[in-house]
Structures are given as structure tokens and as C-alpha cells.
Amino acid sequence: WLIPASALAGATLLLLADVLGRIVVSPGELQTGIVLA
């Protein structure tokens, strides 16, 4: 159960981090790796 749950949670967290990176410095963009760091 842990592996599929981790996969889905990883996809959710990465996409949300990417979206957040577009918002915080709009109209510019903060890279996803920086947001997750």
C-alpha cells in the first residue's frame, strides 16, 4: 500500500509545488526544485 500511496502523493506534491512556483513570483516563475527545497 505504501508504494502506490507514495507515488500518488508524490505526483500531487510535485504538481502543487510547480503551481506555487508560478504564483509566488508572478508573472515570473520560481523553479519547482527551489519550492520543494
PDB file of all heavy atoms in Angstrom:
ATOM      1  N   TRP A   1       0.819  -1.209   0.000  1.00  0.00           N
ATOM      2  CA  TRP A   1       0.000   0.000   0.000  1.00  0.00           C
ATOM      3  C   TRP A   1       0.857   1.266   0.000  1.00  0.00           C
ATOM      4  O   TRP A   1       0.473   2.286  -0.569  1.00  0.00           O
ATOM      5  CB  TRP A   1      -0.913   0.009   1.236  1.00  0.00           C
ATOM      6  CG  TRP A   1      -1.892  -1.092   1.243  1.00  0.00           C
ATOM      7  CD1 TRP A   1      -1.757  -2.313   1.848  1.00  0.00           C
ATOM      8  CD2 TRP A   1      -3.165  -1.115   0.598  1.00  0.00           C
ATOM      9  NE1 TRP A   1      -2.861  -3.093   1.620  1.00  0.00           N
ATOM     10  CE2 TRP A   1      -3.751  -2.382   0.860  1.00  0.00           C
ATOM     11  CE3 TRP A   1      -3.882  -0.190  -0.155  1.00  0.00           C
ATOM     12  CZ2 TRP A   1      -5.010  -2.737   0.382  1.00  0.00           C
ATOM     13  CZ3 TRP A   1      -5.133  -0.540  -0.637  1.00  0.00           C
ATOM     14  CH2 TRP A   1      -5.684  -1.798  -0.373  1.00  0.00           C
ATOM     15  N   LEU A   2       2.011   1.180   0.647  1.00  0.00           N
ATOM     16  CA  LEU A   2       2.865   2.359   0.785  1.00  0.00           C
ATOM     17  C   LEU A   2       3.398   2.847  -0.559  1.00  0.00           C
ATOM     18  O   LEU A   2       3.452   4.057  -0.810  1.00  0.00           O
ATOM     19  CB  LEU A   2       4.032   2.039   1.725  1.00  0.00           C
ATOM     20  CG  LEU A   2       5.047   3.151   1.960  1.00  0.00           C
ATOM     21  CD1 LEU A   2       4.382   4.360   2.591  1.00  0.00           C
ATOM     22  CD2 LEU A   2       6.197   2.658   2.838  1.00  0.00           C
ATOM     23  N   ILE A   3       3.792   1.927  -1.438  1.00  0.00           N
ATOM     24  CA  ILE A   3       4.369   2.349  -2.716  1.00  0.00           C
ATOM     25  C   ILE A   3       3.350   3.078  -3.594  1.00  0.00           C
ATOM     26  O   ILE A   3       3.641   4.180  -4.086  1.00  0.00           O
ATOM     27  CB  ILE A   3       4.997   1.138  -3.435  1.00  0.00           C
ATOM     28  CG1 ILE A   3       6.257   0.699  -2.682  1.00  0.00           C
ATOM     29  CG2 ILE A   3       5.335   1.476  -4.882  1.00  0.00           C
ATOM     30  CD1 ILE A   3       6.873  -0.586  -3.187  1.00  0.00           C
ATOM     31  N   PRO A   4       2.144   2.533  -3.820  1.00  0.00           N
ATOM     32  CA  PRO A   4       1.185   3.322  -4.617  1.00  0.00           C
ATOM     33  C   PRO A   4       0.764   4.616  -3.937  1.00  0.00           C
ATOM     34  O   PRO A   4       0.561   5.637  -4.608  1.00  0.00           O
ATOM     35  CB  PRO A   4       0.002   2.374  -4.806  1.00  0.00           C
ATOM     36  CG  PRO A   4       0.166   1.299  -3.792  1.00  0.00           C
ATOM     37  CD  PRO A   4       1.625   1.174  -3.539  1.00  0.00           C
ATOM     38  N   ALA A   5       0.653   4.600  -2.603  1.00  0.00           N
ATOM     39  CA  ALA A   5       0.295   5.835  -1.904  1.00  0.00           C
ATOM     40  C   ALA A   5       1.394   6.882  -2.050  1.00  0.00           C
ATOM     41  O   ALA A   5       1.116   8.072  -2.253  1.00  0.00           O
ATOM     42  CB  ALA A   5       0.038   5.541  -0.422  1.00  0.00           C
ATOM     43  N   SER A   6       2.646   6.458  -1.961  1.00  0.00           N
ATOM     44  CA  SER A   6       3.766   7.387  -2.131  1.00  0.00           C
ATOM     45  C   SER A   6       3.805   7.948  -3.551  1.00  0.00           C
ATOM     46  O   SER A   6       4.107   9.122  -3.757  1.00  0.00           O
ATOM     47  CB  SER A   6       5.090   6.679  -1.813  1.00  0.00           C
ATOM     48  OG  SER A   6       5.153   6.286  -0.468  1.00  0.00           O
ATOM     49  N   ALA A   7       3.512   7.101  -4.536  1.00  0.00           N
ATOM     50  CA  ALA A   7       3.511   7.561  -5.919  1.00  0.00           C
ATOM     51  C   ALA A   7       2.457   8.643  -6.135  1.00  0.00           C
ATOM     52  O   ALA A   7       2.736   9.699  -6.722  1.00  0.00           O
ATOM     53  CB  ALA A   7       3.267   6.378  -6.857  1.00  0.00           C
ATOM     54  N   LEU A   8       1.242   8.403  -5.648  1.00  0.00           N
ATOM     55  CA  LEU A   8       0.174   9.395  -5.815  1.00  0.00           C
ATOM     56  C   LEU A   8       0.470  10.674  -5.034  1.00  0.00           C
ATOM     57  O   LEU A   8       0.253  11.788  -5.535  1.00  0.00           O
ATOM     58  CB  LEU A   8      -1.158   8.795  -5.363  1.00  0.00           C
ATOM     59  CG  LEU A   8      -1.737   7.693  -6.253  1.00  0.00           C
ATOM     60  CD1 LEU A   8      -2.955   7.050  -5.587  1.00  0.00           C
ATOM     61  CD2 LEU A   8      -2.124   8.256  -7.621  1.00  0.00           C
ATOM     62  N   ALA A   9       0.960  10.520  -3.808  1.00  0.00           N
ATOM     63  CA  ALA A   9       1.307  11.700  -3.016  1.00  0.00           C
ATOM     64  C   ALA A   9       2.441  12.480  -3.662  1.00  0.00           C
ATOM     65  O   ALA A   9       2.464  13.716  -3.640  1.00  0.00           O
ATOM     66  CB  ALA A   9       1.692  11.288  -1.597  1.00  0.00           C
ATOM     67  N   GLY A  10       3.398  11.776  -4.253  1.00  0.00           N
ATOM     68  CA  GLY A  10       4.500  12.448  -4.935  1.00  0.00           C
ATOM     69  C   GLY A  10       4.021  13.255  -6.120  1.00  0.00           C
ATOM     70  O   GLY A  10       4.463  14.392  -6.338  1.00  0.00           O
ATOM     71  N   ALA A  11       3.111  12.684  -6.919  1.00  0.00           N
ATOM     72  CA  ALA A  11       2.571  13.418  -8.064  1.00  0.00           C
ATOM     73  C   ALA A  11       1.815  14.664  -7.608  1.00  0.00           C
ATOM     74  O   ALA A  11       1.954  15.748  -8.197  1.00  0.00           O
ATOM     75  CB  ALA A  11       1.654  12.502  -8.872  1.00  0.00           C
ATOM     76  N   THR A  12       1.014  14.512  -6.554  1.00  0.00           N
ATOM     77  CA  THR A  12       0.251  15.650  -6.041  1.00  0.00           C
ATOM     78  C   THR A  12       1.168  16.754  -5.538  1.00  0.00           C
ATOM     79  O   THR A  12       1.003  17.932  -5.880  1.00  0.00           O
ATOM     80  CB  THR A  12      -0.682  15.191  -4.908  1.00  0.00           C
ATOM     81  OG1 THR A  12      -1.562  14.180  -5.390  1.00  0.00           O
ATOM     82  CG2 THR A  12      -1.497  16.361  -4.377  1.00  0.00           C
ATOM     83  N   LEU A  13       2.153  16.385  -4.735  1.00  0.00           N
ATOM     84  CA  LEU A  13       3.046  17.381  -4.142  1.00  0.00           C
ATOM     85  C   LEU A  13       3.882  18.092  -5.201  1.00  0.00           C
ATOM     86  O   LEU A  13       4.072  19.311  -5.140  1.00  0.00           O
ATOM     87  CB  LEU A  13       3.951  16.706  -3.115  1.00  0.00           C
ATOM     88  CG  LEU A  13       4.839  17.626  -2.273  1.00  0.00           C
ATOM     89  CD1 LEU A  13       3.989  18.628  -1.501  1.00  0.00           C
ATOM     90  CD2 LEU A  13       5.695  16.814  -1.309  1.00  0.00           C
ATOM     91  N   LEU A  14       4.361  17.350  -6.201  1.00  0.00           N
ATOM     92  CA  LEU A  14       5.179  17.973  -7.236  1.00  0.00           C
ATOM     93  C   LEU A  14       4.368  18.952  -8.068  1.00  0.00           C
ATOM     94  O   LEU A  14       4.826  20.065  -8.355  1.00  0.00           O
ATOM     95  CB  LEU A  14       5.791  16.896  -8.133  1.00  0.00           C
ATOM     96  CG  LEU A  14       6.726  17.415  -9.232  1.00  0.00           C
ATOM     97  CD1 LEU A  14       7.927  18.128  -8.631  1.00  0.00           C
ATOM     98  CD2 LEU A  14       7.195  16.283 -10.128  1.00  0.00           C
ATOM     99  N   LEU A  15       3.153  18.578  -8.453  1.00  0.00           N
ATOM    100  CA  LEU A  15       2.329  19.480  -9.249  1.00  0.00           C
ATOM    101  C   LEU A  15       1.927  20.725  -8.444  1.00  0.00           C
ATOM    102  O   LEU A  15       1.917  21.840  -8.975  1.00  0.00           O
ATOM    103  CB  LEU A  15       1.081  18.755  -9.740  1.00  0.00           C
ATOM    104  CG  LEU A  15       1.318  17.706 -10.843  1.00  0.00           C
ATOM    105  CD1 LEU A  15       0.027  16.949 -11.138  1.00  0.00           C
ATOM    106  CD2 LEU A  15       1.841  18.365 -12.110  1.00  0.00           C
ATOM    107  N   LEU A  16       1.614  20.535  -7.162  1.00  0.00           N
ATOM    108  CA  LEU A  16       1.263  21.698  -6.329  1.00  0.00           C
ATOM    109  C   LEU A  16       2.471  22.618  -6.143  1.00  0.00           C
ATOM    110  O   LEU A  16       2.317  23.844  -6.120  1.00  0.00           O
ATOM    111  CB  LEU A  16       0.731  21.228  -4.975  1.00  0.00           C
ATOM    112  CG  LEU A  16      -0.639  20.534  -4.998  1.00  0.00           C
ATOM    113  CD1 LEU A  16      -1.028  20.090  -3.596  1.00  0.00           C
ATOM    114  CD2 LEU A  16      -1.705  21.453  -5.591  1.00  0.00           C
ATOM    115  N   ALA A  17       3.665  22.040  -5.991  1.00  0.00           N
ATOM    116  CA  ALA A  17       4.868  22.864  -5.877  1.00  0.00           C
ATOM    117  C   ALA A  17       5.110  23.647  -7.160  1.00  0.00           C
ATOM    118  O   ALA A  17       5.520  24.812  -7.130  1.00  0.00           O
ATOM    119  CB  ALA A  17       6.076  21.979  -5.557  1.00  0.00           C
ATOM    120  N   ASP A  18       4.846  23.020  -8.300  1.00  0.00           N
ATOM    121  CA  ASP A  18       5.010  23.706  -9.580  1.00  0.00           C
ATOM    122  C   ASP A  18       4.007  24.853  -9.712  1.00  0.00           C
ATOM    123  O   ASP A  18       4.356  25.945 -10.172  1.00  0.00           O
ATOM    124  CB  ASP A  18       4.830  22.706 -10.718  1.00  0.00           C
ATOM    125  CG  ASP A  18       5.151  23.297 -12.077  1.00  0.00           C
ATOM    126  OD1 ASP A  18       6.199  23.963 -12.201  1.00  0.00           O
ATOM    127  OD2 ASP A  18       4.364  23.101 -13.017  1.00  0.00           O
ATOM    128  N   VAL A  19       2.775  24.614  -9.286  1.00  0.00           N
ATOM    129  CA  VAL A  19       1.757  25.669  -9.327  1.00  0.00           C
ATOM    130  C   VAL A  19       2.145  26.815  -8.388  1.00  0.00           C
ATOM    131  O   VAL A  19       2.029  28.001  -8.744  1.00  0.00           O
ATOM    132  CB  VAL A  19       0.374  25.096  -8.946  1.00  0.00           C
ATOM    133  CG1 VAL A  19      -0.640  26.224  -8.741  1.00  0.00           C
ATOM    134  CG2 VAL A  19      -0.117  24.135 -10.020  1.00  0.00           C
ATOM    135  N   LEU A  20       2.610  26.479  -7.189  1.00  0.00           N
ATOM    136  CA  LEU A  20       3.013  27.510  -6.225  1.00  0.00           C
ATOM    137  C   LEU A  20       4.158  28.351  -6.783  1.00  0.00           C
ATOM    138  O   LEU A  20       4.195  29.579  -6.584  1.00  0.00           O
ATOM    139  CB  LEU A  20       3.427  26.849  -4.912  1.00  0.00           C
ATOM    140  CG  LEU A  20       3.831  27.787  -3.773  1.00  0.00           C
ATOM    141  CD1 LEU A  20       2.657  28.696  -3.395  1.00  0.00           C
ATOM    142  CD2 LEU A  20       4.292  26.985  -2.559  1.00  0.00           C
ATOM    143  N   GLY A  21       5.073  27.714  -7.488  1.00  0.00           N
ATOM    144  CA  GLY A  21       6.178  28.448  -8.085  1.00  0.00           C
ATOM    145  C   GLY A  21       5.732  29.458  -9.117  1.00  0.00           C
ATOM    146  O   GLY A  21       6.398  30.480  -9.341  1.00  0.00           O
ATOM    147  N   ARG A  22       4.600  29.210  -9.766  1.00  0.00           N
ATOM    148  CA  ARG A  22       4.075  30.164 -10.742  1.00  0.00           C
ATOM    149  C   ARG A  22       3.365  31.340 -10.072  1.00  0.00           C
ATOM    150  O   ARG A  22       3.220  32.397 -10.669  1.00  0.00           O
ATOM    151  CB  ARG A  22       3.072  29.470 -11.677  1.00  0.00           C
ATOM    152  CG  ARG A  22       3.601  28.255 -12.400  1.00  0.00           C
ATOM    153  CD  ARG A  22       2.495  27.641 -13.264  1.00  0.00           C
ATOM    154  NE  ARG A  22       2.687  26.204 -13.430  1.00  0.00           N
ATOM    155  CZ  ARG A  22       1.796  25.406 -13.994  1.00  0.00           C
ATOM    156  NH1 ARG A  22       0.652  25.907 -14.440  1.00  0.00           N
ATOM    157  NH2 ARG A  22       2.037  24.109 -14.124  1.00  0.00           N
ATOM    158  N   ILE A  23       2.912  31.113  -8.827  1.00  0.00           N
ATOM    159  CA  ILE A  23       2.116  32.144  -8.142  1.00  0.00           C
ATOM    160  C   ILE A  23       2.990  33.116  -7.364  1.00  0.00           C
ATOM    161  O   ILE A  23       2.764  34.340  -7.413  1.00  0.00           O
ATOM    162  CB  ILE A  23       1.100  31.483  -7.183  1.00  0.00           C
ATOM    163  CG1 ILE A  23       0.092  30.646  -7.975  1.00  0.00           C
ATOM    164  CG2 ILE A  23       0.382  32.531  -6.346  1.00  0.00           C
ATOM    165  CD1 ILE A  23      -0.848  29.844  -7.088  1.00  0.00           C
ATOM    166  N   VAL A  24       3.987  32.625  -6.643  1.00  0.00           N
ATOM    167  CA  VAL A  24       4.690  33.452  -5.649  1.00  0.00           C
ATOM    168  C   VAL A  24       5.490  34.582  -6.281  1.00  0.00           C
ATOM    169  O   VAL A  24       5.705  35.612  -5.628  1.00  0.00           O
ATOM    170  CB  VAL A  24       5.604  32.574  -4.764  1.00  0.00           C
ATOM    171  CG1 VAL A  24       4.778  31.667  -3.884  1.00  0.00           C
ATOM    172  CG2 VAL A  24       6.583  31.775  -5.604  1.00  0.00           C
ATOM    173  N   VAL A  25       5.952  34.415  -7.512  1.00  0.00           N
ATOM    174  CA  VAL A  25       6.713  35.489  -8.156  1.00  0.00           C
ATOM    175  C   VAL A  25       6.058  35.886  -9.476  1.00  0.00           C
ATOM    176  O   VAL A  25       6.720  36.332 -10.402  1.00  0.00           O
ATOM    177  CB  VAL A  25       8.181  35.073  -8.393  1.00  0.00           C
ATOM    178  CG1 VAL A  25       8.926  34.944  -7.087  1.00  0.00           C
ATOM    179  CG2 VAL A  25       8.281  33.786  -9.191  1.00  0.00           C
ATOM    180  N   SER A  26       4.734  35.705  -9.576  1.00  0.00           N
ATOM    181  CA  SER A  26       4.009  36.040 -10.802  1.00  0.00           C
ATOM    182  C   SER A  26       4.231  37.509 -11.179  1.00  0.00           C
ATOM    183  O   SER A  26       4.279  38.382 -10.292  1.00  0.00           O
ATOM    184  CB  SER A  26       2.512  35.781 -10.591  1.00  0.00           C
ATOM    185  OG  SER A  26       1.793  36.050 -11.749  1.00  0.00           O
ATOM    186  N   PRO A  27       4.406  37.820 -12.461  1.00  0.00           N
ATOM    187  CA  PRO A  27       4.264  36.965 -13.648  1.00  0.00           C
ATOM    188  C   PRO A  27       5.502  36.137 -13.978  1.00  0.00           C
ATOM    189  O   PRO A  27       5.554  35.492 -15.013  1.00  0.00           O
ATOM    190  CB  PRO A  27       3.992  37.961 -14.759  1.00  0.00           C
ATOM    191  CG  PRO A  27       4.760  39.178 -14.347  1.00  0.00           C
ATOM    192  CD  PRO A  27       4.668  39.232 -12.843  1.00  0.00           C
ATOM    193  N   GLY A  28       6.516  36.164 -13.107  1.00  0.00           N
ATOM    194  CA  GLY A  28       7.679  35.302 -13.310  1.00  0.00           C
ATOM    195  C   GLY A  28       7.390  33.899 -12.796  1.00  0.00           C
ATOM    196  O   GLY A  28       6.234  33.502 -12.604  1.00  0.00           O
ATOM    197  N   GLU A  29       8.443  33.154 -12.536  1.00  0.00           N
ATOM    198  CA  GLU A  29       8.264  31.767 -12.113  1.00  0.00           C
ATOM    199  C   GLU A  29       9.434  31.320 -11.244  1.00  0.00           C
ATOM    200  O   GLU A  29      10.588  31.616 -11.543  1.00  0.00           O
ATOM    201  CB  GLU A  29       8.160  30.870 -13.350  1.00  0.00           C
ATOM    202  CG  GLU A  29       7.874  29.428 -13.039  1.00  0.00           C
ATOM    203  CD  GLU A  29       7.651  28.615 -14.311  1.00  0.00           C
ATOM    204  OE1 GLU A  29       6.947  29.124 -15.212  1.00  0.00           O
ATOM    205  OE2 GLU A  29       8.190  27.499 -14.399  1.00  0.00           O
ATOM    206  N   LEU A  30       9.114  30.630 -10.154  1.00  0.00           N
ATOM    207  CA  LEU A  30      10.115  30.050  -9.270  1.00  0.00           C
ATOM    208  C   LEU A  30      10.222  28.566  -9.589  1.00  0.00           C
ATOM    209  O   LEU A  30       9.213  27.860  -9.668  1.00  0.00           O
ATOM    210  CB  LEU A  30       9.704  30.245  -7.811  1.00  0.00           C
ATOM    211  CG  LEU A  30      10.766  29.992  -6.737  1.00  0.00           C
ATOM    212  CD1 LEU A  30      11.934  30.946  -6.893  1.00  0.00           C
ATOM    213  CD2 LEU A  30      10.148  30.124  -5.347  1.00  0.00           C
ATOM    214  N   GLN A  31      11.436  28.077  -9.791  1.00  0.00           N
ATOM    215  CA  GLN A  31      11.613  26.694 -10.227  1.00  0.00           C
ATOM    216  C   GLN A  31      11.099  25.711  -9.177  1.00  0.00           C
ATOM    217  O   GLN A  31      11.193  25.933  -7.967  1.00  0.00           O
ATOM    218  CB  GLN A  31      13.092  26.427 -10.508  1.00  0.00           C
ATOM    219  CG  GLN A  31      13.721  27.360 -11.530  1.00  0.00           C
ATOM    220  CD  GLN A  31      13.036  27.285 -12.879  1.00  0.00           C
ATOM    221  OE1 GLN A  31      12.500  26.259 -13.244  1.00  0.00           O
ATOM    222  NE2 GLN A  31      13.048  28.383 -13.626  1.00  0.00           N
ATOM    223  N   THR A  32      10.566  24.597  -9.662  1.00  0.00           N
ATOM    224  CA  THR A  32       9.959  23.587  -8.790  1.00  0.00           C
ATOM    225  C   THR A  32      10.950  23.049  -7.764  1.00  0.00           C
ATOM    226  O   THR A  32      10.598  22.829  -6.598  1.00  0.00           O
ATOM    227  CB  THR A  32       9.415  22.425  -9.637  1.00  0.00           C
ATOM    228  OG1 THR A  32       8.593  22.943 -10.681  1.00  0.00           O
ATOM    229  CG2 THR A  32       8.608  21.467  -8.782  1.00  0.00           C
ATOM    230  N   GLY A  33      12.188  22.824  -8.186  1.00  0.00           N
ATOM    231  CA  GLY A  33      13.196  22.325  -7.263  1.00  0.00           C
ATOM    232  C   GLY A  33      13.438  23.267  -6.100  1.00  0.00           C
ATOM    233  O   GLY A  33      13.690  22.829  -4.969  1.00  0.00           O
ATOM    234  N   ILE A  34      13.362  24.574  -6.351  1.00  0.00           N
ATOM    235  CA  ILE A  34      13.559  25.559  -5.291  1.00  0.00           C
ATOM    236  C   ILE A  34      12.398  25.537  -4.306  1.00  0.00           C
ATOM    237  O   ILE A  34      12.577  25.606  -3.087  1.00  0.00           O
ATOM    238  CB  ILE A  34      13.747  26.962  -5.903  1.00  0.00           C
ATOM    239  CG1 ILE A  34      14.997  26.988  -6.791  1.00  0.00           C
ATOM    240  CG2 ILE A  34      13.828  28.028  -4.817  1.00  0.00           C
ATOM    241  CD1 ILE A  34      15.184  28.286  -7.550  1.00  0.00           C
ATOM    242  N   VAL A  35      11.167  25.437  -4.840  1.00  0.00           N
ATOM    243  CA  VAL A  35       9.984  25.383  -3.970  1.00  0.00           C
ATOM    244  C   VAL A  35      10.044  24.163  -3.057  1.00  0.00           C
ATOM    245  O   VAL A  35       9.791  24.250  -1.848  1.00  0.00           O
ATOM    246  CB  VAL A  35       8.698  25.357  -4.821  1.00  0.00           C
ATOM    247  CG1 VAL A  35       7.470  25.214  -3.928  1.00  0.00           C
ATOM    248  CG2 VAL A  35       8.584  26.626  -5.656  1.00  0.00           C
ATOM    249  N   LEU A  36      10.391  23.010  -3.625  1.00  0.00           N
ATOM    250  CA  LEU A  36      10.456  21.791  -2.819  1.00  0.00           C
ATOM    251  C   LEU A  36      11.597  21.843  -1.813  1.00  0.00           C
ATOM    252  O   LEU A  36      11.487  21.302  -0.704  1.00  0.00           O
ATOM    253  CB  LEU A  36      10.605  20.577  -3.728  1.00  0.00           C
ATOM    254  CG  LEU A  36       9.334  20.168  -4.477  1.00  0.00           C
ATOM    255  CD1 LEU A  36       9.640  19.101  -5.511  1.00  0.00           C
ATOM    256  CD2 LEU A  36       8.288  19.652  -3.496  1.00  0.00           C
ATOM    257  N   ALA A  37      12.700  22.480  -2.184  1.00  0.00           N
ATOM    258  CA  ALA A  37      13.810  22.619  -1.242  1.00  0.00           C
ATOM    259  C   ALA A  37      13.403  23.487  -0.055  1.00  0.00           C
ATOM    260  O   ALA A  37      13.763  23.205   1.096  1.00  0.00           O
ATOM    261  CB  ALA A  37      15.023  23.212  -1.938  1.00  0.00           C
TER     262      ALA A  37
END
